[in-house]
All heavy atoms as atom14 arrays in JSON, in Angstrom:
{
  "sequence": "VQAGGSLRLSCAASGSIFNNKAMDWYRQAPGKQRELV",
  "atom14_mask": [
    [1, 1, 1, 1, 1, 1, 1, 0, 0, 0, 0, 0, 0, 0],
    [1, 1, 1, 1, 1, 1, 1, 1, 1, 0, 0, 0, 0, 0],
    [1, 1, 1, 1, 1, 0, 0, 0, 0, 0, 0, 0, 0, 0],
    [1, 1, 1, 1, 0, 0, 0, 0, 0, 0, 0, 0, 0, 0],
    [1, 1, 1, 1, 0, 0, 0, 0, 0, 0, 0, 0, 0, 0],
    [1, 1, 1, 1, 1, 1, 0, 0, 0, 0, 0, 0, 0, 0],
    [1, 1, 1, 1, 1, 1, 1, 1, 0, 0, 0, 0, 0, 0],
    [1, 1, 1, 1, 1, 1, 1, 1, 1, 1, 1, 0, 0, 0],
    [1, 1, 1, 1, 1, 1, 1, 1, 0, 0, 0, 0, 0, 0],
    [1, 1, 1, 1, 1, 1, 0, 0, 0, 0, 0, 0, 0, 0],
    [1, 1, 1, 1, 1, 1, 0, 0, 0, 0, 0, 0, 0, 0],
    [1, 1, 1, 1, 1, 0, 0, 0, 0, 0, 0, 0, 0, 0],
    [1, 1, 1, 1, 1, 0, 0, 0, 0, 0, 0, 0, 0, 0],
    [1, 1, 1, 1, 1, 1, 0, 0, 0, 0, 0, 0, 0, 0],
    [1, 1, 1, 1, 0, 0, 0, 0, 0, 0, 0, 0, 0, 0],
    [1, 1, 1, 1, 1, 1, 0, 0, 0, 0, 0, 0, 0, 0],
    [1, 1, 1, 1, 1, 1, 1, 1, 0, 0, 0, 0, 0, 0],
    [1, 1, 1, 1, 1, 1, 1, 1, 1, 1, 1, 0, 0, 0],
    [1, 1, 1, 1, 1, 1, 1, 1, 0, 0, 0, 0, 0, 0],
    [1, 1, 1, 1, 1, 1, 1, 1, 0, 0, 0, 0, 0, 0],
    [1, 1, 1, 1, 1, 1, 1, 1, 1, 0, 0, 0, 0, 0],
    [1, 1, 1, 1, 1, 0, 0, 0, 0, 0, 0, 0, 0, 0],
    [1, 1, 1, 1, 1, 1, 1, 1, 0, 0, 0, 0, 0, 0],
    [1, 1, 1, 1, 1, 1, 1, 1, 0, 0, 0, 0, 0, 0],
    [1, 1, 1, 1, 1, 1, 1, 1, 1, 1, 1, 1, 1, 1],
    [1, 1, 1, 1, 1, 1, 1, 1, 1, 1, 1, 1, 0, 0],
    [1, 1, 1, 1, 1, 1, 1, 1, 1, 1, 1, 0, 0, 0],
    [1, 1, 1, 1, 1, 1, 1, 1, 1, 0, 0, 0, 0, 0],
    [1, 1, 1, 1, 1, 0, 0, 0, 0, 0, 0, 0, 0, 0],
    [1, 1, 1, 1, 1, 1, 1, 0, 0, 0, 0, 0, 0, 0],
    [1, 1, 1, 1, 0, 0, 0, 0, 0, 0, 0, 0, 0, 0],
    [1, 1, 1, 1, 1, 1, 1, 1, 1, 0, 0, 0, 0, 0],
    [1, 1, 1, 1, 1, 1, 1, 1, 1, 0, 0, 0, 0, 0],
    [1, 1, 1, 1, 1, 1, 1, 1, 1, 1, 1, 0, 0, 0],
    [1, 1, 1, 1, 1, 1, 1, 1, 1, 0, 0, 0, 0, 0],
    [1, 1, 1, 1, 1, 1, 1, 1, 0, 0, 0, 0, 0, 0],
    [1, 1, 1, 1, 1, 1, 1, 0, 0, 0, 0, 0, 0, 0]
  ],
  "atom14_positions": [
    [[115.06, 110.8, 77.3], [114.11, 111.92, 77.3], [114.09, 112.55, 78.67], [114.33, 111.87, 79.68], [112.7, 111.39, 76.88], [112.16, 110.41, 77.89], [111.75, 112.54, 76.64], [0.0, 0.0, 0.0], [0.0, 0.0, 0.0], [0.0, 0.0, 0.0], [0.0, 0.0, 0.0], [0.0, 0.0, 0.0], [0.0, 0.0, 0.0], [0.0, 0.0, 0.0]],
    [[113.8, 113.82, 78.71], [113.68, 114.53, 80.0], [112.33, 114.24, 80.64], [111.34, 113.94, 79.95], [113.85, 116.03, 79.8], [115.28, 116.46, 79.49], [115.44, 117.96, 79.49], [114.49, 118.7, 79.24], [116.64, 118.44, 79.78], [0.0, 0.0, 0.0], [0.0, 0.0, 0.0], [0.0, 0.0, 0.0], [0.0, 0.0, 0.0], [0.0, 0.0, 0.0]],
    [[112.29, 114.32, 81.96], [111.04, 114.17, 82.67], [110.0, 115.13, 82.12], [110.28, 116.28, 81.82], [111.26, 114.42, 84.16], [0.0, 0.0, 0.0], [0.0, 0.0, 0.0], [0.0, 0.0, 0.0], [0.0, 0.0, 0.0], [0.0, 0.0, 0.0], [0.0, 0.0, 0.0], [0.0, 0.0, 0.0], [0.0, 0.0, 0.0], [0.0, 0.0, 0.0]],
    [[108.77, 114.61, 81.97], [107.69, 115.38, 81.37], [107.56, 115.22, 79.87], [106.57, 115.65, 79.27], [0.0, 0.0, 0.0], [0.0, 0.0, 0.0], [0.0, 0.0, 0.0], [0.0, 0.0, 0.0], [0.0, 0.0, 0.0], [0.0, 0.0, 0.0], [0.0, 0.0, 0.0], [0.0, 0.0, 0.0], [0.0, 0.0, 0.0], [0.0, 0.0, 0.0]],
    [[108.56, 114.59, 79.26], [108.54, 114.4, 77.82], [107.74, 113.17, 77.4], [107.12, 112.5, 78.23], [0.0, 0.0, 0.0], [0.0, 0.0, 0.0], [0.0, 0.0, 0.0], [0.0, 0.0, 0.0], [0.0, 0.0, 0.0], [0.0, 0.0, 0.0], [0.0, 0.0, 0.0], [0.0, 0.0, 0.0], [0.0, 0.0, 0.0], [0.0, 0.0, 0.0]],
    [[107.8, 112.9, 76.11], [107.03, 111.79, 75.5], [107.93, 110.94, 74.63], [108.91, 111.43, 74.05], [105.86, 112.33, 74.67], [104.96, 113.06, 75.47], [0.0, 0.0, 0.0], [0.0, 0.0, 0.0], [0.0, 0.0, 0.0], [0.0, 0.0, 0.0], [0.0, 0.0, 0.0], [0.0, 0.0, 0.0], [0.0, 0.0, 0.0], [0.0, 0.0, 0.0]],
    [[107.57, 109.68, 74.51], [108.19, 108.76, 73.57], [107.1, 107.82, 73.05], [106.13, 107.54, 73.76], [109.27, 107.9, 74.22], [110.67, 108.49, 74.42], [111.54, 107.5, 75.17], [111.29, 108.86, 73.08], [0.0, 0.0, 0.0], [0.0, 0.0, 0.0], [0.0, 0.0, 0.0], [0.0, 0.0, 0.0], [0.0, 0.0, 0.0], [0.0, 0.0, 0.0]],
    [[107.32, 107.32, 71.84], [106.42, 106.27, 71.32], [107.25, 105.07, 70.93], [108.13, 105.16, 70.08], [105.63, 106.76, 70.1], [104.56, 105.75, 69.68], [103.73, 106.22, 68.52], [104.42, 106.03, 67.25], [103.79, 105.97, 66.07], [102.48, 106.08, 66.02], [104.5, 105.82, 64.95], [0.0, 0.0, 0.0], [0.0, 0.0, 0.0], [0.0, 0.0, 0.0]],
    [[106.95, 103.97, 71.57], [107.6, 102.71, 71.24], [106.77, 101.96, 70.2], [105.54, 102.07, 70.2], [107.77, 101.84, 72.49], [108.46, 102.49, 73.68], [108.6, 101.47, 74.81], [109.79, 103.07, 73.31], [0.0, 0.0, 0.0], [0.0, 0.0, 0.0], [0.0, 0.0, 0.0], [0.0, 0.0, 0.0], [0.0, 0.0, 0.0], [0.0, 0.0, 0.0]],
    [[107.46, 101.22, 69.36], [106.78, 100.39, 68.38], [107.24, 98.93, 68.54], [108.38, 98.69, 68.9], [107.12, 100.85, 66.96], [106.71, 102.18, 66.73], [0.0, 0.0, 0.0], [0.0, 0.0, 0.0], [0.0, 0.0, 0.0], [0.0, 0.0, 0.0], [0.0, 0.0, 0.0], [0.0, 0.0, 0.0], [0.0, 0.0, 0.0], [0.0, 0.0, 0.0]],
    [[106.33, 98.05, 68.24], [106.64, 96.61, 68.23], [106.04, 96.01, 66.96], [104.83, 95.94, 66.81], [106.06, 95.92, 69.46], [106.19, 94.12, 69.41], [0.0, 0.0, 0.0], [0.0, 0.0, 0.0], [0.0, 0.0, 0.0], [0.0, 0.0, 0.0], [0.0, 0.0, 0.0], [0.0, 0.0, 0.0], [0.0, 0.0, 0.0], [0.0, 0.0, 0.0]],
    [[106.93, 95.62, 66.06], [106.51, 94.99, 64.81], [106.54, 93.49, 64.97], [107.53, 92.92, 65.42], [107.43, 95.42, 63.68], [0.0, 0.0, 0.0], [0.0, 0.0, 0.0], [0.0, 0.0, 0.0], [0.0, 0.0, 0.0], [0.0, 0.0, 0.0], [0.0, 0.0, 0.0], [0.0, 0.0, 0.0], [0.0, 0.0, 0.0], [0.0, 0.0, 0.0]],
    [[105.43, 92.84, 64.64], [105.29, 91.41, 64.81], [105.25, 90.7, 63.49], [104.57, 91.15, 62.56], [104.04, 91.09, 65.61], [0.0, 0.0, 0.0], [0.0, 0.0, 0.0], [0.0, 0.0, 0.0], [0.0, 0.0, 0.0], [0.0, 0.0, 0.0], [0.0, 0.0, 0.0], [0.0, 0.0, 0.0], [0.0, 0.0, 0.0], [0.0, 0.0, 0.0]],
    [[105.97, 89.62, 63.38], [105.91, 88.79, 62.19], [104.85, 87.71, 62.36], [104.38, 87.46, 63.46], [107.27, 88.13, 61.92], [107.55, 87.2, 62.95], [0.0, 0.0, 0.0], [0.0, 0.0, 0.0], [0.0, 0.0, 0.0], [0.0, 0.0, 0.0], [0.0, 0.0, 0.0], [0.0, 0.0, 0.0], [0.0, 0.0, 0.0], [0.0, 0.0, 0.0]],
    [[104.47, 87.1, 61.28], [103.51, 86.01, 61.39], [102.07, 86.48, 61.25], [101.78, 87.67, 61.36], [0.0, 0.0, 0.0], [0.0, 0.0, 0.0], [0.0, 0.0, 0.0], [0.0, 0.0, 0.0], [0.0, 0.0, 0.0], [0.0, 0.0, 0.0], [0.0, 0.0, 0.0], [0.0, 0.0, 0.0], [0.0, 0.0, 0.0], [0.0, 0.0, 0.0]],
    [[101.17, 85.53, 61.05], [99.79, 85.87, 60.78], [98.92, 85.85, 62.01], [97.72, 86.03, 61.91], [99.24, 84.88, 59.77], [99.3, 83.57, 60.31], [0.0, 0.0, 0.0], [0.0, 0.0, 0.0], [0.0, 0.0, 0.0], [0.0, 0.0, 0.0], [0.0, 0.0, 0.0], [0.0, 0.0, 0.0], [0.0, 0.0, 0.0], [0.0, 0.0, 0.0]],
    [[99.53, 85.69, 63.19], [98.72, 85.56, 64.41], [98.36, 86.91, 65.01], [97.53, 87.01, 65.88], [99.5, 84.75, 65.46], [100.79, 85.46, 65.83], [99.76, 83.34, 64.94], [100.91, 85.78, 67.27], [0.0, 0.0, 0.0], [0.0, 0.0, 0.0], [0.0, 0.0, 0.0], [0.0, 0.0, 0.0], [0.0, 0.0, 0.0], [0.0, 0.0, 0.0]],
    [[98.99, 87.95, 64.53], [98.92, 89.23, 65.21], [97.48, 89.68, 65.43], [97.09, 90.08, 66.52], [99.7, 90.3, 64.42], [99.68, 91.65, 65.07], [100.58, 91.95, 66.09], [98.77, 92.62, 64.68], [100.57, 93.19, 66.69], [98.76, 93.88, 65.26], [99.65, 94.15, 66.28], [0.0, 0.0, 0.0], [0.0, 0.0, 0.0], [0.0, 0.0, 0.0]],
    [[96.67, 89.65, 64.4], [95.32, 90.23, 64.49], [94.44, 89.5, 65.49], [93.45, 90.08, 65.95], [94.65, 90.19, 63.12], [95.28, 91.15, 62.16], [96.21, 91.89, 62.51], [94.82, 91.16, 60.92], [0.0, 0.0, 0.0], [0.0, 0.0, 0.0], [0.0, 0.0, 0.0], [0.0, 0.0, 0.0], [0.0, 0.0, 0.0], [0.0, 0.0, 0.0]],
    [[94.76, 88.28, 65.84], [93.91, 87.48, 66.71], [94.4, 87.37, 68.15], [93.8, 86.64, 68.95], [93.77, 86.07, 66.14], [93.13, 86.08, 64.78], [92.2, 86.81, 64.52], [93.7, 85.29, 63.87], [0.0, 0.0, 0.0], [0.0, 0.0, 0.0], [0.0, 0.0, 0.0], [0.0, 0.0, 0.0], [0.0, 0.0, 0.0], [0.0, 0.0, 0.0]],
    [[95.47, 88.08, 68.47], [96.1, 87.89, 69.78], [96.19, 89.19, 70.56], [96.38, 90.27, 70.0], [97.5, 87.31, 69.62], [97.5, 85.92, 69.05], [96.73, 84.94, 69.92], [96.65, 83.58, 69.27], [95.83, 82.64, 70.09], [0.0, 0.0, 0.0], [0.0, 0.0, 0.0], [0.0, 0.0, 0.0], [0.0, 0.0, 0.0], [0.0, 0.0, 0.0]],
    [[96.05, 89.05, 71.86], [96.35, 90.2, 72.74], [97.84, 90.45, 72.72], [98.64, 89.52, 72.64], [95.86, 89.9, 74.15], [0.0, 0.0, 0.0], [0.0, 0.0, 0.0], [0.0, 0.0, 0.0], [0.0, 0.0, 0.0], [0.0, 0.0, 0.0], [0.0, 0.0, 0.0], [0.0, 0.0, 0.0], [0.0, 0.0, 0.0], [0.0, 0.0, 0.0]],
    [[98.2, 91.69, 72.83], [99.61, 92.1, 72.85], [99.87, 92.88, 74.14], [99.0, 93.59, 74.63], [99.94, 92.98, 71.65], [99.71, 92.34, 70.31], [100.82, 90.96, 69.96], [102.41, 91.79, 69.94], [0.0, 0.0, 0.0], [0.0, 0.0, 0.0], [0.0, 0.0, 0.0], [0.0, 0.0, 0.0], [0.0, 0.0, 0.0], [0.0, 0.0, 0.0]],
    [[101.07, 92.73, 74.65], [101.42, 93.39, 75.91], [102.74, 94.14, 75.78], [103.59, 93.78, 74.98], [101.62, 92.36, 77.03], [100.53, 91.32, 77.09], [99.4, 91.66, 77.45], [100.81, 90.17, 76.74], [0.0, 0.0, 0.0], [0.0, 0.0, 0.0], [0.0, 0.0, 0.0], [0.0, 0.0, 0.0], [0.0, 0.0, 0.0], [0.0, 0.0, 0.0]],
    [[102.88, 95.13, 76.63], [104.18, 95.74, 76.9], [104.53, 95.51, 78.36], [103.7, 95.71, 79.26], [104.15, 97.25, 76.64], [104.18, 97.64, 75.2], [103.12, 97.95, 74.42], [105.35, 97.76, 74.39], [103.56, 98.26, 73.15], [104.93, 98.16, 73.11], [106.71, 97.59, 74.61], [105.81, 98.38, 72.05], [107.6, 97.81, 73.57], [107.14, 98.2, 72.3]],
    [[105.74, 95.04, 78.58], [106.3, 94.87, 79.9], [107.51, 95.79, 80.03], [108.05, 96.26, 79.02], [106.8, 93.44, 80.12], [105.72, 92.43, 80.42], [104.88, 91.95, 79.41], [105.54, 91.91, 81.69], [103.9, 91.0, 79.67], [104.58, 90.96, 81.98], [103.78, 90.51, 80.96], [102.81, 89.55, 81.23], [0.0, 0.0, 0.0], [0.0, 0.0, 0.0]],
    [[107.95, 96.0, 81.24], [109.19, 96.72, 81.46], [109.95, 96.13, 82.64], [109.36, 95.52, 83.52], [108.94, 98.22, 81.7], [108.25, 98.58, 83.0], [107.95, 100.06, 83.05], [107.29, 100.45, 84.3], [106.81, 101.66, 84.52], [106.95, 102.62, 83.6], [106.25, 101.93, 85.68], [0.0, 0.0, 0.0], [0.0, 0.0, 0.0], [0.0, 0.0, 0.0]],
    [[111.26, 96.33, 82.61], [112.11, 95.85, 83.7], [113.16, 96.91, 84.0], [114.01, 97.22, 83.15], [112.78, 94.54, 83.34], [113.54, 93.91, 84.49], [113.91, 92.47, 84.22], [113.92, 92.01, 83.09], [114.22, 91.73, 85.26], [0.0, 0.0, 0.0], [0.0, 0.0, 0.0], [0.0, 0.0, 0.0], [0.0, 0.0, 0.0], [0.0, 0.0, 0.0]],
    [[113.07, 97.46, 85.2], [114.04, 98.43, 85.66], [115.22, 97.7, 86.31], [115.07, 96.56, 86.76], [113.4, 99.39, 86.66], [0.0, 0.0, 0.0], [0.0, 0.0, 0.0], [0.0, 0.0, 0.0], [0.0, 0.0, 0.0], [0.0, 0.0, 0.0], [0.0, 0.0, 0.0], [0.0, 0.0, 0.0], [0.0, 0.0, 0.0], [0.0, 0.0, 0.0]],
    [[116.38, 98.32, 86.37], [117.55, 97.69, 86.96], [117.26, 97.21, 88.39], [116.76, 97.97, 89.22], [118.6, 98.78, 86.96], [118.21, 99.67, 85.84], [116.7, 99.66, 85.82], [0.0, 0.0, 0.0], [0.0, 0.0, 0.0], [0.0, 0.0, 0.0], [0.0, 0.0, 0.0], [0.0, 0.0, 0.0], [0.0, 0.0, 0.0], [0.0, 0.0, 0.0]],
    [[117.55, 95.95, 88.67], [117.37, 95.41, 90.0], [115.94, 95.07, 90.37], [115.67, 94.7, 91.51], [0.0, 0.0, 0.0], [0.0, 0.0, 0.0], [0.0, 0.0, 0.0], [0.0, 0.0, 0.0], [0.0, 0.0, 0.0], [0.0, 0.0, 0.0], [0.0, 0.0, 0.0], [0.0, 0.0, 0.0], [0.0, 0.0, 0.0], [0.0, 0.0, 0.0]],
    [[115.03, 95.2, 89.42], [113.62, 94.92, 89.7], [113.08, 93.84, 88.79], [113.68, 93.5, 87.77], [112.79, 96.21, 89.54], [113.14, 97.29, 90.54], [112.16, 98.44, 90.43], [112.46, 99.51, 91.49], [111.47, 100.62, 91.43], [0.0, 0.0, 0.0], [0.0, 0.0, 0.0], [0.0, 0.0, 0.0], [0.0, 0.0, 0.0], [0.0, 0.0, 0.0]],
    [[111.94, 93.29, 89.18], [111.3, 92.26, 88.37], [110.59, 92.89, 87.17], [110.19, 94.05, 87.21], [110.27, 91.48, 89.22], [110.9, 90.58, 90.27], [109.88, 89.69, 90.93], [108.72, 90.07, 91.09], [110.29, 88.49, 91.33], [0.0, 0.0, 0.0], [0.0, 0.0, 0.0], [0.0, 0.0, 0.0], [0.0, 0.0, 0.0], [0.0, 0.0, 0.0]],
    [[110.46, 92.09, 86.14], [109.71, 92.55, 84.96], [108.24, 92.71, 85.37], [107.67, 91.87, 86.06], [109.86, 91.53, 83.84], [109.37, 92.02, 82.5], [109.75, 91.05, 81.39], [111.21, 90.97, 81.21], [111.77, 90.39, 80.19], [111.03, 89.79, 79.24], [113.1, 90.33, 80.09], [0.0, 0.0, 0.0], [0.0, 0.0, 0.0], [0.0, 0.0, 0.0]],
    [[107.64, 93.81, 84.9], [106.25, 94.09, 85.26], [105.41, 94.4, 84.03], [105.93, 94.99, 83.06], [106.16, 95.27, 86.25], [106.66, 96.59, 85.7], [106.37, 97.75, 86.64], [105.64, 97.58, 87.63], [106.88, 98.86, 86.37], [0.0, 0.0, 0.0], [0.0, 0.0, 0.0], [0.0, 0.0, 0.0], [0.0, 0.0, 0.0], [0.0, 0.0, 0.0]],
    [[104.16, 94.05, 84.08], [103.23, 94.31, 82.99], [102.86, 95.79, 83.01], [102.43, 96.3, 84.05], [101.99, 93.43, 83.13], [100.89, 93.63, 82.09], [101.38, 93.31, 80.69], [99.68, 92.76, 82.43], [0.0, 0.0, 0.0], [0.0, 0.0, 0.0], [0.0, 0.0, 0.0], [0.0, 0.0, 0.0], [0.0, 0.0, 0.0], [0.0, 0.0, 0.0]],
    [[102.99, 96.43, 81.87], [102.67, 97.85, 81.76], [101.3, 98.08, 81.12], [100.49, 98.84, 81.64], [103.75, 98.58, 80.93], [103.36, 100.04, 80.7], [105.09, 98.47, 81.58], [0.0, 0.0, 0.0], [0.0, 0.0, 0.0], [0.0, 0.0, 0.0], [0.0, 0.0, 0.0], [0.0, 0.0, 0.0], [0.0, 0.0, 0.0], [0.0, 0.0, 0.0]]
  ]
}
C-alpha cells in the first residue's frame, strides 16, 4: 500500500477460548525486534 493508505488485517482463531482471552497484534520489521502494536 502507498503511504497514507489503509489496510485491514484479520486474525481468525480456532478453539473455544477466543471470547475469554485478550488478543494482540505484534509486528517485526527487518532487523528489528518484534514489538507489541
